[in-house]
Amino acid sequence: MALKIRLARAGAKKRPFYRIVVADSRSPRDGRFIEKLGTYNPLLPKDNDNRVNFDSERVKHWLDRGAKPTDRVARFLSTQDLVTWQASNNPEKAKPKAKAQERMREAEEAAKAAAEEAAAAAEAPAEEAAAEEAPAEEAPAEEAPAEEEAKER
């Protein structure tokens, strides 16, 4: 039998209140438990002494018997140095799932295609403008010999 020290929800709808209990890991969250060790009221401010209450002697007893605290309960127990709690880090959890990654790839490809079209559209008017400017530069060169002929006369 695998024992867990965990939270069992009580309280009304939208007004959570939890009991810290020792239960068989196979039993439901709010179902049968072996012993009630304390309470947790998340509606109270964090600095309130009544937010988390538990019997540390009974917790030590159950920890010696092999009960494993859940992550949230381990955080509470670490305040009195009953267990060592470390924040868990699961970078895989934050990654988007397969469908979301596929949608992101499609969006990136569409953005690249739009950028390439915009670049091609920007180059085409630049070439036309260069073509228009070139004859304009040649025209004064043609007029210059005409001016020289006028001076010679």
N, C-alpha and C. Protein backbone atom coordinates (compact mmCIF):
# COMPACT_ATOMS: atom_id res chain seq x y z
N MET A 1 0.85 -1.18 0.00
CA MET A 1 0.00 0.00 0.00
C MET A 1 0.89 1.24 0.00
N ALA A 2 0.75 2.09 -1.01
CA ALA A 2 1.54 3.31 -1.12
C ALA A 2 0.78 4.46 -0.45
N LEU A 3 1.41 5.04 0.56
CA LEU A 3 0.76 6.11 1.29
C LEU A 3 1.19 7.47 0.76
N LYS A 4 0.24 8.38 0.73
CA LYS A 4 0.51 9.76 0.31
C LYS A 4 -0.01 10.71 1.37
N ILE A 5 0.75 11.77 1.60
CA ILE A 5 0.26 12.89 2.40
C ILE A 5 -0.16 13.93 1.38
N ARG A 6 -1.45 14.19 1.31
CA ARG A 6 -1.96 15.05 0.25
C ARG A 6 -3.12 15.90 0.74
N LEU A 7 -3.62 16.72 -0.19
CA LEU A 7 -4.74 17.59 0.12
C LEU A 7 -6.04 16.92 -0.33
N ALA A 8 -7.07 17.01 0.51
CA ALA A 8 -8.41 16.56 0.16
C ALA A 8 -9.31 17.78 0.22
N ARG A 9 -9.99 18.07 -0.88
CA ARG A 9 -10.79 19.29 -0.95
C ARG A 9 -12.08 19.16 -0.15
N ALA A 10 -12.39 20.24 0.54
CA ALA A 10 -13.66 20.37 1.25
C ALA A 10 -14.15 21.78 0.93
N GLY A 11 -15.12 22.28 1.65
CA GLY A 11 -15.58 23.64 1.40
C GLY A 11 -16.63 23.68 0.32
N ALA A 12 -17.18 24.87 0.14
CA ALA A 12 -18.27 25.05 -0.81
C ALA A 12 -17.73 25.40 -2.19
N LYS A 13 -18.66 25.51 -3.13
CA LYS A 13 -18.30 25.90 -4.49
C LYS A 13 -17.71 27.30 -4.46
N LYS A 14 -16.58 27.48 -5.13
CA LYS A 14 -15.85 28.75 -5.21
C LYS A 14 -15.29 29.21 -3.86
N ARG A 15 -15.33 28.35 -2.85
CA ARG A 15 -14.77 28.65 -1.54
C ARG A 15 -13.93 27.45 -1.09
N PRO A 16 -12.76 27.25 -1.70
CA PRO A 16 -12.00 26.03 -1.39
C PRO A 16 -11.46 26.01 0.04
N PHE A 17 -11.40 24.83 0.57
CA PHE A 17 -10.80 24.57 1.88
C PHE A 17 -10.27 23.15 1.79
N TYR A 18 -9.06 22.92 2.23
CA TYR A 18 -8.43 21.61 2.07
C TYR A 18 -8.05 21.02 3.42
N ARG A 19 -8.17 19.69 3.51
CA ARG A 19 -7.64 18.95 4.65
C ARG A 19 -6.33 18.30 4.22
N ILE A 20 -5.34 18.34 5.07
CA ILE A 20 -4.09 17.61 4.81
C ILE A 20 -4.29 16.23 5.42
N VAL A 21 -4.26 15.20 4.57
CA VAL A 21 -4.60 13.86 5.03
C VAL A 21 -3.54 12.85 4.59
N VAL A 22 -3.54 11.72 5.26
CA VAL A 22 -2.75 10.56 4.84
C VAL A 22 -3.75 9.60 4.21
N ALA A 23 -3.48 9.20 2.97
CA ALA A 23 -4.41 8.32 2.28
C ALA A 23 -3.64 7.34 1.41
N ASP A 24 -4.32 6.27 1.05
CA ASP A 24 -3.77 5.33 0.08
C ASP A 24 -3.74 6.05 -1.26
N SER A 25 -2.67 5.90 -2.02
CA SER A 25 -2.52 6.63 -3.27
C SER A 25 -3.59 6.24 -4.29
N ARG A 26 -4.22 5.08 -4.13
CA ARG A 26 -5.23 4.61 -5.07
C ARG A 26 -6.62 5.16 -4.76
N SER A 27 -6.81 5.72 -3.57
CA SER A 27 -8.13 6.24 -3.21
C SER A 27 -8.37 7.60 -3.87
N PRO A 28 -9.65 7.98 -4.09
CA PRO A 28 -9.94 9.25 -4.75
C PRO A 28 -9.49 10.44 -3.92
N ARG A 29 -9.34 11.59 -4.58
CA ARG A 29 -8.85 12.80 -3.91
C ARG A 29 -9.65 13.14 -2.67
N ASP A 30 -10.95 13.16 -2.80
CA ASP A 30 -11.81 13.54 -1.68
C ASP A 30 -12.40 12.32 -0.98
N GLY A 31 -11.89 11.16 -1.30
CA GLY A 31 -12.46 9.92 -0.76
C GLY A 31 -11.88 9.54 0.59
N ARG A 32 -11.84 8.24 0.81
CA ARG A 32 -11.43 7.70 2.09
C ARG A 32 -9.98 8.04 2.41
N PHE A 33 -9.71 8.39 3.65
CA PHE A 33 -8.34 8.66 4.09
C PHE A 33 -8.11 7.97 5.43
N ILE A 34 -6.85 7.86 5.78
CA ILE A 34 -6.47 7.15 7.00
C ILE A 34 -6.52 8.08 8.21
N GLU A 35 -5.92 9.27 8.06
CA GLU A 35 -5.88 10.21 9.18
C GLU A 35 -5.80 11.64 8.66
N LYS A 36 -6.49 12.53 9.36
CA LYS A 36 -6.43 13.95 9.05
C LYS A 36 -5.27 14.55 9.85
N LEU A 37 -4.34 15.22 9.13
CA LEU A 37 -3.17 15.78 9.78
C LEU A 37 -3.25 17.29 9.97
N GLY A 38 -4.05 17.96 9.17
CA GLY A 38 -4.14 19.41 9.29
C GLY A 38 -5.07 20.00 8.26
N THR A 39 -4.98 21.33 8.10
CA THR A 39 -5.84 22.04 7.16
C THR A 39 -5.05 23.07 6.38
N TYR A 40 -5.62 23.49 5.23
CA TYR A 40 -5.05 24.53 4.39
C TYR A 40 -6.21 25.36 3.85
N ASN A 41 -6.17 26.67 4.10
CA ASN A 41 -7.21 27.58 3.62
C ASN A 41 -6.57 28.58 2.67
N PRO A 42 -6.68 28.37 1.36
CA PRO A 42 -6.01 29.26 0.39
C PRO A 42 -6.63 30.65 0.30
N LEU A 43 -7.81 30.85 0.90
CA LEU A 43 -8.44 32.17 0.83
C LEU A 43 -7.85 33.16 1.83
N LEU A 44 -7.13 32.66 2.82
CA LEU A 44 -6.50 33.55 3.79
C LEU A 44 -5.21 34.14 3.21
N PRO A 45 -4.80 35.32 3.67
CA PRO A 45 -3.54 35.91 3.17
C PRO A 45 -2.34 35.02 3.51
N LYS A 46 -1.30 35.16 2.72
CA LYS A 46 -0.13 34.28 2.90
C LYS A 46 0.56 34.46 4.24
N ASP A 47 0.45 35.63 4.84
CA ASP A 47 1.13 35.85 6.12
C ASP A 47 0.26 35.47 7.33
N ASN A 48 -0.94 34.97 7.10
CA ASN A 48 -1.84 34.57 8.17
C ASN A 48 -1.39 33.23 8.75
N ASP A 49 -1.37 33.13 10.08
CA ASP A 49 -0.93 31.89 10.74
C ASP A 49 -1.91 30.73 10.53
N ASN A 50 -3.18 31.04 10.29
CA ASN A 50 -4.18 29.99 10.14
C ASN A 50 -4.31 29.48 8.71
N ARG A 51 -3.49 29.95 7.80
CA ARG A 51 -3.57 29.51 6.41
C ARG A 51 -3.22 28.02 6.29
N VAL A 52 -2.14 27.60 6.95
CA VAL A 52 -1.73 26.19 6.94
C VAL A 52 -1.51 25.75 8.39
N ASN A 53 -2.23 24.73 8.81
CA ASN A 53 -2.06 24.14 10.14
C ASN A 53 -1.88 22.64 9.99
N PHE A 54 -0.92 22.07 10.69
CA PHE A 54 -0.78 20.62 10.70
C PHE A 54 -0.06 20.19 11.95
N ASP A 55 -0.27 18.93 12.32
CA ASP A 55 0.35 18.33 13.50
C ASP A 55 1.69 17.73 13.06
N SER A 56 2.77 18.43 13.38
CA SER A 56 4.09 18.01 12.90
C SER A 56 4.52 16.66 13.47
N GLU A 57 4.09 16.31 14.69
CA GLU A 57 4.45 15.01 15.26
C GLU A 57 3.82 13.87 14.45
N ARG A 58 2.56 14.04 14.07
CA ARG A 58 1.90 13.01 13.29
C ARG A 58 2.48 12.93 11.87
N VAL A 59 2.86 14.10 11.33
CA VAL A 59 3.48 14.10 10.00
C VAL A 59 4.79 13.34 10.04
N LYS A 60 5.61 13.58 11.06
CA LYS A 60 6.88 12.84 11.21
C LYS A 60 6.61 11.34 11.30
N HIS A 61 5.57 10.97 12.07
CA HIS A 61 5.22 9.56 12.23
C HIS A 61 4.93 8.93 10.87
N TRP A 62 4.12 9.58 10.06
CA TRP A 62 3.75 9.03 8.76
C TRP A 62 4.91 9.07 7.77
N LEU A 63 5.75 10.08 7.86
CA LEU A 63 6.93 10.11 6.99
C LEU A 63 7.86 8.95 7.31
N ASP A 64 7.99 8.62 8.61
CA ASP A 64 8.81 7.48 9.02
C ASP A 64 8.22 6.17 8.52
N ARG A 65 6.91 6.11 8.37
CA ARG A 65 6.24 4.91 7.89
C ARG A 65 6.30 4.78 6.37
N GLY A 66 6.86 5.79 5.67
CA GLY A 66 7.03 5.69 4.23
C GLY A 66 6.04 6.50 3.41
N ALA A 67 5.26 7.35 4.05
CA ALA A 67 4.30 8.17 3.30
C ALA A 67 5.06 9.24 2.53
N LYS A 68 4.66 9.46 1.28
CA LYS A 68 5.31 10.47 0.43
C LYS A 68 4.39 11.67 0.30
N PRO A 69 4.88 12.87 0.60
CA PRO A 69 4.03 14.05 0.43
C PRO A 69 3.95 14.47 -1.04
N THR A 70 2.81 15.03 -1.42
CA THR A 70 2.69 15.59 -2.75
C THR A 70 3.50 16.88 -2.80
N ASP A 71 3.64 17.44 -3.99
CA ASP A 71 4.49 18.63 -4.15
C ASP A 71 3.99 19.80 -3.30
N ARG A 72 2.69 20.07 -3.32
CA ARG A 72 2.13 21.18 -2.55
C ARG A 72 2.30 20.97 -1.05
N VAL A 73 2.04 19.75 -0.58
CA VAL A 73 2.17 19.46 0.84
C VAL A 73 3.65 19.50 1.24
N ALA A 74 4.54 19.04 0.36
CA ALA A 74 5.97 19.09 0.66
C ALA A 74 6.41 20.53 0.85
N ARG A 75 5.83 21.45 0.07
CA ARG A 75 6.14 22.87 0.23
C ARG A 75 5.74 23.36 1.62
N PHE A 76 4.58 22.93 2.08
CA PHE A 76 4.13 23.33 3.42
C PHE A 76 5.02 22.72 4.49
N LEU A 77 5.37 21.45 4.33
CA LEU A 77 6.17 20.77 5.34
C LEU A 77 7.60 21.29 5.39
N SER A 78 8.09 21.83 4.28
CA SER A 78 9.46 22.34 4.27
C SER A 78 9.60 23.60 5.12
N THR A 79 8.49 24.28 5.43
CA THR A 79 8.58 25.47 6.29
C THR A 79 9.02 25.09 7.70
N GLN A 80 8.75 23.84 8.12
CA GLN A 80 9.18 23.37 9.44
C GLN A 80 10.29 22.33 9.33
N ASP A 81 10.95 22.30 8.18
CA ASP A 81 12.08 21.41 7.93
C ASP A 81 11.76 19.92 8.15
N LEU A 82 10.54 19.52 7.82
CA LEU A 82 10.19 18.11 7.90
C LEU A 82 10.62 17.36 6.65
N VAL A 83 10.60 18.03 5.51
CA VAL A 83 11.08 17.47 4.25
C VAL A 83 11.81 18.58 3.51
N THR A 84 12.62 18.19 2.54
CA THR A 84 13.27 19.19 1.69
C THR A 84 12.47 19.30 0.40
N TRP A 85 12.07 20.52 0.08
CA TRP A 85 11.27 20.77 -1.12
C TRP A 85 12.09 21.60 -2.09
N GLN A 86 12.09 21.19 -3.35
CA GLN A 86 12.74 21.97 -4.40
C GLN A 86 11.73 22.20 -5.50
N ALA A 87 11.75 23.40 -6.04
CA ALA A 87 10.83 23.70 -7.14
C ALA A 87 11.16 22.79 -8.31
N SER A 88 10.12 22.18 -8.86
CA SER A 88 10.34 21.29 -10.00
C SER A 88 10.40 22.12 -11.27
N ASN A 89 11.14 21.62 -12.25
CA ASN A 89 11.28 22.31 -13.51
C ASN A 89 11.00 21.31 -14.63
N ASN A 90 9.93 21.56 -15.35
CA ASN A 90 9.59 20.67 -16.46
C ASN A 90 9.46 21.52 -17.72
N PRO A 91 10.56 21.75 -18.44
CA PRO A 91 10.48 22.59 -19.63
C PRO A 91 9.62 21.97 -20.73
N GLU A 92 9.44 20.66 -20.72
CA GLU A 92 8.61 20.00 -21.73
C GLU A 92 7.15 20.41 -21.58
N LYS A 93 6.74 20.70 -20.36
CA LYS A 93 5.35 21.05 -20.11
C LYS A 93 4.97 22.36 -20.78
N ALA A 94 5.91 23.28 -20.88
CA ALA A 94 5.62 24.59 -21.44
C ALA A 94 5.61 24.60 -22.97
N LYS A 95 6.16 23.55 -23.59
CA LYS A 95 6.22 23.52 -25.05
C LYS A 95 4.82 23.30 -25.62
N PRO A 96 4.55 23.92 -26.78
CA PRO A 96 3.26 23.68 -27.44
C PRO A 96 3.16 22.23 -27.91
N LYS A 97 1.93 21.75 -28.00
CA LYS A 97 1.72 20.37 -28.45
C LYS A 97 1.88 20.29 -29.97
N ALA A 98 1.72 19.10 -30.54
CA ALA A 98 2.01 18.85 -31.96
C ALA A 98 1.17 19.72 -32.89
N LYS A 99 -0.13 19.83 -32.65
CA LYS A 99 -0.98 20.63 -33.54
C LYS A 99 -0.58 22.10 -33.50
N ALA A 100 -0.29 22.60 -32.31
CA ALA A 100 0.10 24.01 -32.18
C ALA A 100 1.43 24.26 -32.88
N GLN A 101 2.37 23.31 -32.76
CA GLN A 101 3.65 23.47 -33.45
C GLN A 101 3.45 23.47 -34.97
N GLU A 102 2.53 22.64 -35.47
CA GLU A 102 2.26 22.60 -36.90
C GLU A 102 1.66 23.93 -37.36
N ARG A 103 0.73 24.48 -36.59
CA ARG A 103 0.15 25.78 -36.93
C ARG A 103 1.21 26.88 -36.92
N MET A 104 2.14 26.81 -35.97
CA MET A 104 3.21 27.81 -35.91
C MET A 104 4.11 27.71 -37.14
N ARG A 105 4.43 26.48 -37.57
CA ARG A 105 5.25 26.28 -38.77
C ARG A 105 4.56 26.86 -40.00
N GLU A 106 3.26 26.58 -40.12
CA GLU A 106 2.50 27.11 -41.25
C GLU A 106 2.48 28.63 -41.24
N ALA A 107 2.33 29.22 -40.08
CA ALA A 107 2.32 30.68 -39.97
C ALA A 107 3.68 31.26 -40.34
N GLU A 108 4.76 30.59 -39.92
CA GLU A 108 6.11 31.05 -40.26
C GLU A 108 6.34 30.97 -41.77
N GLU A 109 5.88 29.86 -42.39
CA GLU A 109 6.05 29.72 -43.84
C GLU A 109 5.25 30.79 -44.58
N ALA A 110 4.05 31.08 -44.12
CA ALA A 110 3.23 32.12 -44.75
C ALA A 110 3.90 33.49 -44.60
N ALA A 111 4.50 33.73 -43.43
CA ALA A 111 5.19 35.01 -43.20
C ALA A 111 6.41 35.12 -44.11
N LYS A 112 7.14 34.02 -44.30
CA LYS A 112 8.31 34.05 -45.19
C LYS A 112 7.88 34.32 -46.63
N ALA A 113 6.80 33.65 -47.05
CA ALA A 113 6.30 33.85 -48.41
C ALA A 113 5.86 35.29 -48.61
N ALA A 114 5.19 35.87 -47.63
CA ALA A 114 4.75 37.26 -47.72
C ALA A 114 5.95 38.20 -47.77
N ALA A 115 6.98 37.90 -46.99
CA ALA A 115 8.18 38.73 -46.97
C ALA A 115 8.90 38.65 -48.32
N GLU A 116 8.95 37.45 -48.90
CA GLU A 116 9.60 37.31 -50.21
C GLU A 116 8.83 38.06 -51.29
N GLU A 117 7.49 37.99 -51.23
CA GLU A 117 6.67 38.73 -52.19
C GLU A 117 6.86 40.23 -52.03
N ALA A 118 6.93 40.68 -50.80
CA ALA A 118 7.12 42.10 -50.55
C ALA A 118 8.49 42.55 -51.04
N ALA A 119 9.51 41.71 -50.83
CA ALA A 119 10.86 42.04 -51.30
C ALA A 119 10.89 42.08 -52.82
N ALA A 120 10.22 41.13 -53.47
CA ALA A 120 10.18 41.11 -54.93
C ALA A 120 9.43 42.34 -55.45
N ALA A 121 8.35 42.70 -54.76
CA ALA A 121 7.57 43.87 -55.18
C ALA A 121 8.38 45.15 -54.97
N ALA A 122 9.20 45.20 -53.95
CA ALA A 122 10.02 46.38 -53.67
C ALA A 122 11.15 46.49 -54.70
N GLU A 123 11.68 45.37 -55.16
CA GLU A 123 12.77 45.40 -56.15
C GLU A 123 12.26 45.83 -57.53
N ALA A 124 11.06 45.41 -57.91
CA ALA A 124 10.52 45.73 -59.23
C ALA A 124 10.35 47.24 -59.43
N PRO A 125 9.75 48.00 -58.52
CA PRO A 125 9.66 49.44 -58.70
C PRO A 125 11.03 50.11 -58.66
N ALA A 126 11.95 49.57 -57.90
CA ALA A 126 13.29 50.15 -57.85
C ALA A 126 13.97 50.00 -59.21
N GLU A 127 13.78 48.86 -59.89
CA GLU A 127 14.37 48.66 -61.22
C GLU A 127 13.71 49.60 -62.22
N GLU A 128 12.38 49.76 -62.12
CA GLU A 128 11.68 50.68 -63.02
C GLU A 128 12.13 52.11 -62.80
N ALA A 129 12.31 52.48 -61.54
CA ALA A 129 12.75 53.84 -61.23
C ALA A 129 14.16 54.06 -61.76
N ALA A 130 15.00 53.05 -61.65
CA ALA A 130 16.37 53.17 -62.17
C ALA A 130 16.33 53.29 -63.68
N ALA A 131 15.44 52.55 -64.31
CA ALA A 131 15.32 52.63 -65.76
C ALA A 131 14.81 54.01 -66.19
N GLU A 132 13.91 54.59 -65.43
CA GLU A 132 13.40 55.92 -65.75
C GLU A 132 14.46 56.99 -65.53
N GLU A 133 15.27 56.82 -64.49
CA GLU A 133 16.30 57.81 -64.17
C GLU A 133 17.43 57.77 -65.19
N ALA A 134 17.77 56.63 -65.70
CA ALA A 134 18.88 56.51 -66.63
C ALA A 134 18.65 57.33 -67.90
N PRO A 135 17.52 57.26 -68.56
CA PRO A 135 17.32 58.10 -69.73
C PRO A 135 17.33 59.59 -69.35
N ALA A 136 16.87 59.91 -68.18
CA ALA A 136 16.88 61.31 -67.76
C ALA A 136 18.31 61.81 -67.65
N GLU A 137 19.20 60.96 -67.22
CA GLU A 137 20.61 61.36 -67.11
C GLU A 137 21.24 61.47 -68.50
N GLU A 138 20.82 60.62 -69.41
CA GLU A 138 21.37 60.66 -70.76
C GLU A 138 20.88 61.89 -71.53
N ALA A 139 19.70 62.34 -71.26
CA ALA A 139 19.13 63.47 -72.00
C ALA A 139 19.98 64.73 -71.87
N PRO A 140 20.42 65.12 -70.70
CA PRO A 140 21.26 66.31 -70.65
C PRO A 140 22.57 66.12 -71.41
N ALA A 141 23.08 64.90 -71.46
CA ALA A 141 24.31 64.65 -72.21
C ALA A 141 24.07 64.90 -73.69
N GLU A 142 22.89 64.56 -74.19
CA GLU A 142 22.57 64.80 -75.59
C GLU A 142 22.39 66.30 -75.86
N GLU A 143 21.84 67.01 -74.88
CA GLU A 143 21.62 68.44 -75.05
C GLU A 143 22.93 69.20 -75.06
N ALA A 144 23.91 68.70 -74.36
CA ALA A 144 25.19 69.41 -74.26
C ALA A 144 25.83 69.62 -75.63
N PRO A 145 25.89 68.65 -76.50
CA PRO A 145 26.48 68.92 -77.82
C PRO A 145 25.65 69.95 -78.59
N ALA A 146 24.35 69.97 -78.40
CA ALA A 146 23.52 70.95 -79.07
C ALA A 146 23.89 72.36 -78.60
N GLU A 147 24.15 72.49 -77.32
CA GLU A 147 24.53 73.79 -76.76
C GLU A 147 25.87 74.21 -77.32
N GLU A 148 26.79 73.24 -77.45
CA GLU A 148 28.12 73.58 -77.98
C GLU A 148 28.00 74.08 -79.44
N GLU A 149 27.13 73.44 -80.19
CA GLU A 149 26.92 73.85 -81.58
C GLU A 149 26.35 75.28 -81.62
N ALA A 150 25.48 75.59 -80.68
CA ALA A 150 24.88 76.93 -80.65
C ALA A 150 25.95 77.96 -80.33
N LYS A 151 26.91 77.60 -79.49
CA LYS A 151 27.98 78.54 -79.11
C LYS A 151 28.91 78.77 -80.31
N GLU A 152 29.13 77.75 -81.09
CA GLU A 152 30.04 77.87 -82.21
C GLU A 152 29.45 78.76 -83.28
N ARG A 153 28.22 78.88 -83.43
CA ARG A 153 27.61 79.68 -84.47
C ARG A 153 27.69 81.09 -84.17
